[in-house]
Protein backbone atom coordinates (compact mmCIF):
# COMPACT_ATOMS: atom_id res chain seq x y z
CA MET A 1 0.61 -6.78 17.39
CA LYS A 2 -0.75 -3.56 19.07
CA PRO A 3 -3.07 -1.31 16.56
CA LEU A 4 -1.93 2.46 16.18
CA MET A 5 -5.15 3.91 16.59
CA GLU A 6 -8.57 1.98 17.58
CA ILE A 7 -11.63 4.27 17.56
CA LYS A 8 -14.32 3.41 19.84
CA ASN A 9 -18.10 4.24 19.34
CA LEU A 10 -17.40 7.65 17.98
CA THR A 11 -20.43 10.03 17.48
CA THR A 12 -20.63 13.31 16.05
CA ARG A 13 -23.36 15.87 15.98
CA PHE A 14 -24.43 19.38 14.40
CA HIS A 15 -26.61 21.61 16.27
CA THR A 16 -28.51 23.74 13.95
CA GLN A 17 -31.82 25.96 13.22
CA ASP A 18 -33.47 23.14 11.46
CA GLY A 19 -31.68 20.40 14.32
CA THR A 20 -29.12 17.95 15.22
CA VAL A 21 -27.11 16.29 12.31
CA ASN A 22 -25.88 12.81 13.20
CA ALA A 23 -22.90 13.21 11.43
CA VAL A 24 -21.04 10.27 12.83
CA ASN A 25 -22.74 7.65 14.44
CA GLY A 26 -21.01 5.46 16.71
CA ILE A 27 -18.34 4.30 14.42
CA SER A 28 -15.53 1.92 15.63
CA TYR A 29 -12.42 0.19 13.81
CA SER A 30 -8.57 0.09 14.63
CA LEU A 31 -6.16 0.73 12.02
CA ASP A 32 -2.88 -0.65 12.14
CA GLN A 33 0.99 0.23 11.94
CA GLY A 34 2.19 0.63 8.16
CA GLU A 35 -1.73 0.07 7.12
CA ILE A 36 -3.45 1.91 4.20
CA LEU A 37 -7.02 2.60 4.98
CA GLY A 38 -9.26 3.38 2.21
CA VAL A 39 -12.23 5.40 4.17
CA VAL A 40 -15.46 5.53 1.16
CA GLY A 41 -18.65 6.25 0.38
CA GLU A 42 -20.62 9.22 -0.73
CA SER A 43 -20.52 13.14 -0.16
CA GLY A 44 -22.30 13.71 2.74
CA CYS A 45 -21.67 10.22 4.92
CA GLY A 46 -19.33 11.26 7.27
CA LYS A 47 -15.67 10.53 5.98
CA SER A 48 -14.38 14.00 6.13
CA VAL A 49 -16.21 14.68 9.97
CA HIS A 50 -14.63 11.14 10.89
CA ALA A 51 -11.96 12.80 10.11
CA LEU A 52 -11.67 15.65 11.76
CA SER A 53 -13.52 14.37 14.83
CA ILE A 54 -9.89 12.74 14.91
CA MET A 55 -8.10 15.33 14.79
CA ARG A 56 -10.25 17.22 17.31
CA LEU A 57 -10.89 20.06 14.28
CA ILE A 58 -14.45 20.09 15.15
CA GLN A 59 -16.14 23.42 15.02
CA ILE A 60 -17.43 23.83 19.02
CA PRO A 61 -20.22 25.18 18.64
CA PRO A 62 -21.89 24.61 16.16
CA GLY A 63 -20.13 21.03 16.31
CA GLU A 64 -19.71 18.47 19.13
CA ILE A 65 -18.19 15.13 19.96
CA ALA A 66 -20.91 13.54 21.57
CA ALA A 67 -19.64 10.28 22.70
CA GLY A 68 -16.21 7.87 21.74
CA GLU A 69 -12.91 7.29 22.03
CA VAL A 70 -9.91 7.91 19.97
CA ILE A 71 -6.63 5.74 21.30
CA PHE A 72 -3.63 6.92 19.64
CA ASP A 73 -0.72 5.27 21.15
CA ASP A 74 -2.41 4.41 24.40
CA ARG A 75 -3.97 7.99 24.49
CA ASP A 76 -7.19 9.29 24.02
CA LEU A 77 -7.18 12.05 21.89
CA LEU A 78 -10.38 13.17 22.76
CA LYS A 79 -9.33 13.77 26.52
CA LEU A 80 -5.76 15.46 25.91
CA SER A 81 -5.95 18.88 26.81
CA ASP A 82 -5.72 21.91 23.74
CA LYS A 83 -1.94 22.21 23.89
CA ASP A 84 -1.16 18.35 23.87
CA MET A 85 -3.56 17.80 20.77
CA ARG A 86 -1.66 20.68 19.47
CA SER A 87 1.72 18.74 20.08
CA VAL A 88 -0.04 15.58 18.28
CA ARG A 89 -1.13 17.58 15.28
CA GLY A 90 1.31 17.83 12.03
CA HIS A 91 3.76 15.61 14.67
CA GLU A 92 2.24 12.47 15.48
CA ILE A 93 -1.09 12.61 13.07
CA ALA A 94 -0.86 14.87 9.83
CA MET A 95 -3.83 16.03 7.60
CA VAL A 96 -3.75 16.74 3.88
CA PHE A 97 -6.78 17.99 2.61
CA GLN A 98 -9.21 18.48 -0.16
CA ASP A 99 -8.48 21.21 -1.97
CA PRO A 100 -4.91 22.06 -2.81
CA MET A 101 -5.90 25.47 -3.98
CA SER A 102 -7.13 26.73 -1.17
CA SER A 103 -5.09 25.10 1.66
CA LEU A 104 -2.24 26.91 1.51
CA ASN A 105 -2.01 30.61 2.90
CA PRO A 106 -1.63 33.19 -0.51
CA VAL A 107 0.25 35.45 1.54
CA TYR A 108 3.34 33.08 2.17
CA THR A 109 5.79 31.65 0.27
CA VAL A 110 5.51 27.60 -0.17
CA GLY A 111 9.21 27.44 1.75
CA PHE A 112 7.95 29.26 4.62
CA GLN A 113 4.88 27.36 5.45
CA ILE A 114 6.61 24.40 5.31
CA SER A 115 9.71 25.34 7.78
CA GLU A 116 7.25 26.74 9.73
CA ALA A 117 6.10 22.93 11.69
CA LEU A 118 9.56 21.75 11.81
CA ILE A 119 10.59 24.60 14.21
CA LEU A 120 7.77 24.51 15.89
CA HIS A 121 8.10 20.70 16.16
CA LYS A 122 11.25 19.80 15.32
CA ASN A 123 13.23 22.54 17.29
CA MET A 124 15.23 23.43 14.25
CA ASN A 125 16.24 26.94 13.52
CA LYS A 126 15.46 28.83 9.98
CA ARG A 127 18.71 27.37 8.28
CA GLN A 128 17.65 23.88 9.29
CA ALA A 129 14.14 24.09 8.17
CA LYS A 130 14.78 25.82 4.97
CA GLU A 131 17.51 23.01 4.27
CA ARG A 132 15.03 20.02 5.43
CA THR A 133 12.11 21.79 3.75
CA ILE A 134 14.22 21.63 0.32
CA GLU A 135 14.64 17.96 1.18
CA LEU A 136 11.05 17.67 1.33
CA LEU A 137 9.98 19.61 -1.60
CA ASN A 138 12.66 17.15 -3.60
CA LEU A 139 11.58 13.72 -2.23
CA VAL A 140 8.08 14.69 -3.81
CA GLY A 141 9.14 15.46 -6.66
CA ILE A 142 8.95 19.04 -6.93
CA PRO A 143 11.60 20.42 -9.72
CA GLU A 144 14.04 22.68 -8.89
CA ALA A 145 13.42 22.64 -5.14
CA ARG A 146 16.05 25.19 -4.37
CA LYS A 147 14.35 27.52 -6.38
CA ARG A 148 10.54 26.67 -5.53
CA PHE A 149 11.34 27.53 -2.06
CA ASP A 150 10.48 31.00 -1.99
CA ASN A 151 7.84 31.07 -4.55
CA PHE A 152 4.25 31.33 -3.83
CA PRO A 153 1.74 29.36 -3.65
CA HIS A 154 0.33 31.15 -6.77
CA GLN A 155 3.16 30.23 -8.57
CA PHE A 156 2.80 26.32 -8.27
CA SER A 157 0.09 24.22 -10.61
CA GLY A 158 -2.51 22.51 -8.53
CA GLY A 159 -0.74 19.22 -8.47
CA MET A 160 2.49 21.28 -7.45
CA ARG A 161 0.17 22.49 -4.50
CA GLN A 162 -0.73 19.14 -3.72
CA ARG A 163 2.67 17.72 -3.81
CA ALA A 164 3.70 20.75 -1.60
CA MET A 165 0.61 20.06 0.94
CA ILE A 166 1.99 16.39 1.21
CA ALA A 167 5.79 17.51 1.98
CA MET A 168 4.20 19.79 4.60
CA ALA A 169 2.06 16.98 6.20
CA LEU A 170 5.56 14.22 6.16
CA SER A 171 7.71 17.08 7.56
CA CYS A 172 7.28 16.11 11.21
CA GLU A 173 7.15 12.29 10.17
CA PRO A 174 4.08 11.82 11.30
CA LYS A 175 3.26 7.94 12.55
CA LEU A 176 -0.25 8.77 10.51
CA LEU A 177 -0.91 10.75 7.40
CA ILE A 178 -4.95 11.23 6.74
CA ALA A 179 -5.48 12.16 3.13
CA ASP A 180 -9.21 13.47 2.64
CA GLU A 181 -9.98 13.68 -1.04
CA PRO A 182 -6.75 15.06 -1.68
CA THR A 183 -6.56 14.63 -5.54
CA THR A 184 -10.18 15.67 -6.24
CA ALA A 185 -9.79 18.44 -7.89
CA LEU A 186 -6.77 17.30 -10.45
CA ASP A 187 -6.99 15.66 -13.87
CA VAL A 188 -6.75 12.07 -13.53
CA THR A 189 -2.68 11.78 -14.88
CA ILE A 190 -2.09 14.05 -11.91
CA GLN A 191 -4.27 12.19 -9.65
CA ALA A 192 -2.22 8.98 -10.66
CA GLN A 193 0.88 10.99 -10.14
CA ILE A 194 -0.31 11.82 -6.44
CA ILE A 195 -1.62 8.08 -5.55
CA ASN A 196 2.01 6.62 -6.68
CA LEU A 197 3.50 9.53 -4.55
CA VAL A 198 1.58 8.34 -1.12
CA ILE A 199 1.88 4.45 -1.91
CA LYS A 200 5.75 5.09 -2.48
CA LEU A 201 6.18 7.53 0.06
CA GLN A 202 3.94 4.99 2.70
CA GLN A 203 6.45 1.95 2.09
CA GLU A 204 9.52 4.16 2.62
CA LEU A 205 8.82 5.93 5.57
CA GLY A 206 6.52 3.05 6.92
CA MET A 207 3.63 5.13 8.07
CA SER A 208 0.07 4.20 8.49
CA VAL A 209 -2.57 6.21 5.83
CA MET A 210 -6.00 6.53 6.28
CA TRP A 211 -7.16 7.91 2.23
CA ILE A 212 -10.68 8.91 2.18
CA THR A 213 -12.75 9.04 -1.03
CA HIS A 214 -15.94 8.70 -3.03
CA ASP A 215 -14.48 6.69 -5.57
CA LEU A 216 -14.00 3.16 -4.92
CA GLY A 217 -11.85 2.50 -8.07
CA ILE A 218 -9.60 4.97 -6.86
CA VAL A 219 -8.86 2.37 -3.89
CA ALA A 220 -8.75 -0.81 -5.32
CA GLU A 221 -4.88 -0.82 -5.81
CA MET A 222 -3.53 1.28 -3.25
CA VAL A 223 -5.07 0.02 0.18
CA HIS A 224 -5.11 -3.04 2.55
CA ARG A 225 -8.36 -2.98 4.13
CA ILE A 226 -11.69 -0.55 3.37
CA ASN A 227 -14.22 1.12 5.79
CA VAL A 228 -17.64 1.42 3.54
CA MET A 229 -19.27 4.43 5.20
CA TYR A 230 -22.85 5.66 4.69
CA ALA A 231 -25.59 7.78 6.60
CA GLY A 232 -22.70 8.28 9.18
CA SER A 233 -22.28 4.87 9.97
CA ILE A 234 -19.82 1.91 8.27
CA ILE A 235 -22.05 -0.55 6.42
CA GLU A 236 -19.29 -2.76 5.49
CA ARG A 237 -15.35 -3.15 6.30
CA GLY A 238 -13.06 -5.67 4.92
CA PHE A 239 -9.85 -6.56 3.22
CA VAL A 240 -9.56 -4.84 -0.10
CA ASP A 241 -10.18 -8.54 -2.23
CA ASP A 242 -13.12 -9.66 0.49
CA ILE A 243 -14.73 -5.94 -0.34
CA TYR A 244 -14.07 -6.10 -4.28
CA ASN A 245 -14.56 -10.20 -4.79
CA HIS A 246 -17.19 -11.45 -2.23
CA THR A 247 -19.45 -8.07 -1.40
CA LEU A 248 -21.57 -8.14 1.24
CA HIS A 249 -24.01 -4.93 1.50
CA PRO A 250 -26.34 -3.91 -1.16
CA TYR A 251 -24.62 -0.32 -0.75
CA THR A 252 -21.38 -1.47 -1.38
CA MET A 253 -23.21 -3.27 -4.35
CA GLY A 254 -24.31 0.05 -5.46
CA LEU A 255 -20.93 1.79 -5.62
CA LEU A 256 -19.15 -1.01 -7.45
CA GLY A 257 -21.93 -1.33 -10.33
CA SER A 258 -21.37 1.97 -10.63
CA LEU A 259 -17.74 2.01 -11.97
CA PRO A 260 -17.03 1.61 -15.55
CA SER A 261 -14.97 -1.13 -16.65
CA ILE A 262 -13.08 -1.74 -19.93
CA ASP A 263 -14.25 -5.64 -19.94
CA GLU A 264 -17.96 -4.91 -20.43
CA ALA A 265 -19.90 -4.69 -23.73
CA PRO A 266 -20.31 -1.50 -25.74
CA GLY A 267 -23.28 0.22 -24.48
CA THR A 268 -23.56 -1.57 -21.32
CA LYS A 269 -25.60 0.95 -18.98
CA LEU A 270 -23.39 1.41 -15.32
CA ILE A 271 -25.40 0.63 -11.95
CA SER A 272 -27.33 3.47 -10.24
CA ILE A 273 -28.42 3.30 -6.50
CA PRO A 274 -31.95 4.83 -6.56
CA GLY A 275 -33.21 7.22 -4.62
CA LEU A 276 -31.13 10.20 -1.68
CA PRO A 277 -29.32 9.03 1.14
CA PRO A 278 -31.40 9.90 4.63
CA ASP A 279 -31.74 13.30 6.22
CA LEU A 280 -29.13 13.22 9.15
CA VAL A 281 -31.62 15.36 10.90
CA ASP A 282 -34.14 12.78 11.05
CA LEU A 283 -32.75 9.71 10.48
CA PRO A 284 -34.83 6.46 10.05
CA SER A 285 -35.05 4.25 13.03
CA GLY A 286 -33.95 0.93 11.03
CA CYS A 287 -31.08 0.58 8.48
CA PRO A 288 -30.13 4.15 6.93
CA PHE A 289 -30.01 1.97 3.63
CA PHE A 290 -33.64 0.77 3.73
CA ALA A 291 -35.27 3.35 1.47
CA ARG A 292 -33.17 2.67 -1.63
CA CYS A 293 -32.45 -1.07 -1.52
CA THR A 294 -33.70 -3.37 -3.37
CA TYR A 295 -33.78 -5.92 -1.06
CA ARG A 296 -35.34 -4.66 2.24
CA GLU A 297 -38.11 -6.08 4.41
CA GLU A 298 -40.21 -5.24 6.93
CA ARG A 299 -37.43 -5.97 9.82
CA CYS A 300 -35.00 -3.42 7.89
CA ALA A 301 -37.45 -0.66 8.57
CA LYS A 302 -37.51 -1.24 12.20
CA GLU A 303 -34.61 -2.64 13.70
CA GLN A 304 -30.60 -0.94 12.79
CA PRO A 305 -28.01 -3.78 12.09
CA VAL A 306 -24.48 -3.33 13.83
CA LEU A 307 -21.54 -4.47 12.25
CA GLU A 308 -21.59 -8.89 12.39
CA ASN A 309 -18.75 -10.93 10.58
CA GLY A 310 -19.54 -11.79 7.09
CA LEU A 311 -17.99 -14.76 4.99
CA GLU A 312 -13.92 -14.25 5.98
CA GLU A 313 -12.26 -13.47 9.38
CA GLY A 314 -12.33 -9.91 9.10
CA HIS A 315 -14.78 -9.38 7.24
CA SER A 316 -17.98 -7.73 8.31
CA VAL A 317 -21.21 -5.86 7.45
CA ALA A 318 -24.27 -4.40 9.07
CA CYS A 319 -27.17 -5.93 6.94
CA TRP A 320 -30.26 -7.89 7.95
CA ARG A 321 -29.87 -9.76 4.74
CA TRP A 322 -26.69 -10.53 3.75
CA ARG A 323 -26.77 -14.39 3.89
CA GLU A 324 -29.92 -14.15 1.45
CA ILE A 325 -28.59 -12.10 -0.63
CA GLN A 326 -24.84 -13.79 -0.53
CA LYS A 327 -27.30 -17.58 -1.91
CA MET A 328 -28.60 -15.47 -4.51
CA GLY A 329 -25.33 -15.03 -5.92
CA VAL A 330 -25.71 -11.21 -6.35
CA SER A 331 -22.33 -10.07 -5.64
């Protein structure tokens, strides 16, 4: 089956007074129809910038999508006109952003903001758009949706605002939903509700989902495949079971080791990754994880590894020493 989206050598930079920030560095992967993909990594690793690049929402200048292709339904989104790209956004690809507190416009009612997309993309009249908006608010679990239609964002709690954002994203029945850390500002109970909601809607609607997060624990039970990003590159990619049970990259091992577990003995210390990510203005010539890696050798400082097939089909890693690390039985 042909993938829904195929990204080839996507490269995004920002030109600043301090130099050129290499935010996304030639990443390539595919996303299948109906798949949930997790994109994981520390803050500043390029997760959100790569998603904004797909949506063509990078501010130019200072930003620049310097190279690459984003093939979505047989079209390169990076070559579409601004008018054609506007018809893709919200209609075929929708995005839910990090902060539910500021994603909605405070001066318009929630119902108006959701209806607007339906009028624009679905050619509905105001009455039709209102009825469909109420259906969507019911779908995402907003109580008394008809009464809530005329509420302003400040009258919604954080969790309800995020549900409203999901309703807005789903309003035009997109083929792909990009969720950029949508539970970051919410407490853990509401986080679980939002995650369960997205899984339920994905199964009902058959859409693809890209879930962006810094927390490997969140995506464990919901995604099919994971891209682990570091310093603007994908350093490990595979099916969720392979990433968790046959980890190949030292960085991914560090991320997993930092997760608390109920199986560990009391007083067990969590693993931390020493040091800081590299400066994206002055990336090292070799492996970007070199300075923080306990398995590094001389070659790692000079040559940057590229993604290669690992132990299982569909599992790839960018590390010169992954075979030796596997033999040590580290993961």
